[in-house]
């Protein structure tokens, strides 16, 4: 089934790296400029009518983000992940809000957490989870969590230990003993 889908899509799009994880899950890559048309094709003609989510991963060593658009086909009970790579520098991707209205929520989150802009996406510049955040987006791999915490949070009792197992034994589950 997925091979036939790839064959049909390959007639119109430059697809790469088809990966079949199992009978109900596959992933493929597409170029940035072809993403919206591919998603429209999958929705309108291939039965992938549900946008499950959009996520990003930071590949700092390649200076790019990988966006994954996860689609679901209710008739075949098949999930298809569509990957697209974009540059980390001035990261921007066109909005798919016209295809799936709920996309604006995922796009707002990705703007706040990774700094990826989605022009034309509703409310994309409004605070989402991190009200008043004025630092580097925290999910970027070059965000220094330890430095940020040291600069913004005071030390207090209970933060001294780094031995999680010992802390669990002594402070959280002392009744379990050794």
Protein backbone atom coordinates (compact mmCIF):
# COMPACT_ATOMS: atom_id res chain seq x y z
CA UNK A 1 0.00 0.00 0.00
CA UNK A 2 2.65 2.56 1.00
CA UNK A 3 4.81 1.69 -2.01
CA UNK A 4 1.84 2.37 -4.29
CA UNK A 5 1.28 5.70 -2.50
CA UNK A 6 4.93 6.61 -2.96
CA UNK A 7 4.70 5.74 -6.66
CA UNK A 8 1.63 7.96 -7.14
CA UNK A 9 3.17 10.86 -5.23
CA UNK A 10 6.55 10.54 -6.97
CA UNK A 11 4.89 11.44 -10.26
CA UNK A 12 4.35 14.99 -8.94
CA UNK A 13 6.80 15.49 -6.04
CA UNK A 14 10.48 14.93 -5.31
CA UNK A 15 10.21 12.51 -2.41
CA UNK A 16 13.24 11.10 -0.64
CA UNK A 17 14.02 8.59 2.07
CA UNK A 18 10.77 6.68 2.36
CA UNK A 19 11.00 4.76 5.63
CA UNK A 20 8.40 2.14 6.48
CA UNK A 21 8.39 1.55 10.22
CA UNK A 22 5.56 -0.99 10.22
CA UNK A 23 2.29 -1.71 8.41
CA UNK A 24 0.64 1.35 9.95
CA UNK A 25 3.47 3.90 9.97
CA UNK A 26 5.78 5.40 7.37
CA UNK A 27 7.85 8.56 6.91
CA UNK A 28 9.08 10.45 3.88
CA UNK A 29 10.98 13.65 3.15
CA UNK A 30 9.97 16.44 0.82
CA UNK A 31 11.55 19.74 -0.15
CA UNK A 32 10.34 22.85 1.65
CA UNK A 33 8.80 24.42 -1.45
CA UNK A 34 6.72 21.27 -2.14
CA UNK A 35 5.38 20.69 1.38
CA UNK A 36 2.05 22.50 1.16
CA UNK A 37 1.11 20.97 -2.19
CA UNK A 38 2.09 17.49 -0.98
CA UNK A 39 0.02 17.87 2.19
CA UNK A 40 -2.93 19.08 0.12
CA UNK A 41 -2.57 16.04 -2.18
CA UNK A 42 -2.41 13.68 0.80
CA UNK A 43 -5.48 15.29 2.39
CA UNK A 44 -7.66 15.70 -0.68
CA UNK A 45 -6.81 12.62 -2.74
CA UNK A 46 -5.08 10.06 -0.52
CA UNK A 47 -7.34 10.10 2.55
CA UNK A 48 -4.91 11.59 5.09
CA UNK A 49 -7.53 13.94 6.44
CA UNK A 50 -6.32 14.28 10.02
CA UNK A 51 -3.31 16.38 11.08
CA UNK A 52 -2.23 14.66 14.30
CA UNK A 53 0.60 17.06 15.16
CA UNK A 54 3.57 19.07 13.95
CA UNK A 55 6.88 18.73 15.77
CA UNK A 56 10.41 20.01 15.29
CA UNK A 57 13.83 18.62 16.08
CA UNK A 58 16.99 20.69 16.17
CA UNK A 59 19.90 19.34 14.14
CA UNK A 60 22.40 21.97 15.16
CA UNK A 61 25.31 20.05 13.62
CA UNK A 62 23.62 20.39 10.20
CA UNK A 63 22.41 23.94 10.93
CA UNK A 64 18.82 22.93 10.29
CA UNK A 65 15.52 21.99 11.88
CA UNK A 66 13.51 18.98 10.84
CA UNK A 67 9.77 19.59 10.89
CA UNK A 68 7.53 16.54 10.99
CA UNK A 69 3.88 16.75 9.96
CA UNK A 70 2.08 13.62 11.18
CA UNK A 71 -1.03 12.71 9.21
CA UNK A 72 -3.61 9.99 9.77
CA UNK A 73 -5.83 8.15 7.29
CA UNK A 74 -8.95 6.90 9.07
CA UNK A 75 -9.96 4.54 6.26
CA UNK A 76 -6.66 2.64 6.16
CA UNK A 77 -5.71 3.35 9.79
CA UNK A 78 -2.31 4.45 8.51
CA UNK A 79 -0.07 7.22 9.84
CA UNK A 80 2.30 9.08 7.57
CA UNK A 81 5.01 11.44 8.76
CA UNK A 82 6.15 14.06 6.29
CA UNK A 83 9.58 15.51 7.09
CA UNK A 84 10.94 18.77 5.76
CA UNK A 85 14.32 20.30 6.59
CA UNK A 86 14.64 24.06 7.04
CA UNK A 87 17.58 26.27 7.91
CA UNK A 88 18.13 27.29 11.54
CA UNK A 89 19.19 30.75 10.33
CA UNK A 90 16.09 32.95 10.19
CA UNK A 91 14.03 29.76 10.46
CA UNK A 92 10.75 30.16 8.64
CA UNK A 93 8.14 27.89 7.11
CA UNK A 94 4.90 28.77 5.37
CA UNK A 95 1.78 28.18 7.39
CA UNK A 96 -0.46 25.21 6.66
CA UNK A 97 -3.30 26.83 8.59
CA UNK A 98 -5.42 27.02 5.40
CA UNK A 99 -5.25 23.20 5.16
CA UNK A 100 -5.94 22.36 8.81
CA UNK A 101 -7.26 25.07 11.10
CA UNK A 102 -5.67 23.51 14.19
CA UNK A 103 -2.21 23.93 12.67
CA UNK A 104 -1.99 27.43 14.09
CA UNK A 105 -1.68 25.98 17.61
CA UNK A 106 1.29 23.78 16.70
CA UNK A 107 2.87 26.61 14.71
CA UNK A 108 2.54 29.03 17.65
CA UNK A 109 4.23 26.52 19.93
CA UNK A 110 7.08 25.92 17.46
CA UNK A 111 7.61 29.67 17.09
CA UNK A 112 7.89 30.09 20.85
CA UNK A 113 9.94 26.98 21.62
CA UNK A 114 12.26 26.91 18.59
CA UNK A 115 11.98 30.37 17.05
CA UNK A 116 10.59 29.03 13.76
CA UNK A 117 8.39 31.65 12.15
CA UNK A 118 5.19 30.75 10.31
CA UNK A 119 4.15 33.94 8.50
CA UNK A 120 0.41 34.29 7.95
CA UNK A 121 -0.35 31.89 10.81
CA UNK A 122 -2.99 33.34 13.18
CA UNK A 123 -1.66 34.72 16.47
CA UNK A 124 1.83 33.33 15.79
CA UNK A 125 3.50 36.30 17.49
CA UNK A 126 1.45 36.11 20.69
CA UNK A 127 2.77 34.43 23.84
CA UNK A 128 1.71 30.80 23.98
CA UNK A 129 3.19 28.96 26.98
CA UNK A 130 6.13 31.15 27.98
CA UNK A 131 4.44 34.41 28.88
CA UNK A 132 6.95 37.24 28.88
CA UNK A 133 9.86 35.06 27.72
CA UNK A 134 12.64 37.23 26.32
CA UNK A 135 15.50 34.78 25.94
CA UNK A 136 16.57 32.36 23.21
CA UNK A 137 13.85 29.79 22.45
CA UNK A 138 14.38 27.08 25.08
CA UNK A 139 14.12 24.00 22.85
CA UNK A 140 17.04 25.02 20.65
CA UNK A 141 20.01 22.85 21.39
CA UNK A 142 22.28 25.87 21.89
CA UNK A 143 20.06 27.13 24.73
CA UNK A 144 22.08 26.67 27.94
CA UNK A 145 19.53 25.43 30.49
CA UNK A 146 22.02 25.27 33.37
CA UNK A 147 23.26 28.81 32.75
CA UNK A 148 19.69 30.09 32.48
CA UNK A 149 18.72 28.42 35.77
CA UNK A 150 21.81 29.72 37.56
CA UNK A 151 21.04 33.27 36.37
CA UNK A 152 17.30 33.22 37.14
CA UNK A 153 16.75 30.93 40.12
CA UNK A 154 18.18 31.09 43.63
CA UNK A 155 19.73 28.09 45.31
CA UNK A 156 17.64 26.47 48.00
CA UNK A 157 17.84 23.43 50.21
CA UNK A 158 17.28 20.18 48.37
CA UNK A 159 19.02 21.19 45.16
CA UNK A 160 22.50 20.22 46.29
CA UNK A 161 22.49 16.52 45.47
CA UNK A 162 22.90 15.18 41.96
CA UNK A 163 22.62 11.51 42.93
CA UNK A 164 19.03 10.77 41.98
CA UNK A 165 18.89 7.21 43.27
CA UNK A 166 20.18 8.18 46.70
CA UNK A 167 17.78 11.12 46.90
CA UNK A 168 14.87 8.86 45.98
CA UNK A 169 15.85 6.28 48.63
CA UNK A 170 16.38 8.76 51.43
CA UNK A 171 13.86 11.54 50.77
CA UNK A 172 11.06 10.12 48.71
CA UNK A 173 10.81 6.38 49.52
CA UNK A 174 12.52 5.90 52.88
CA UNK A 175 10.10 3.12 53.87
CA UNK A 176 11.48 0.86 51.12
CA UNK A 177 14.92 0.69 52.77
CA UNK A 178 17.94 -0.74 51.02
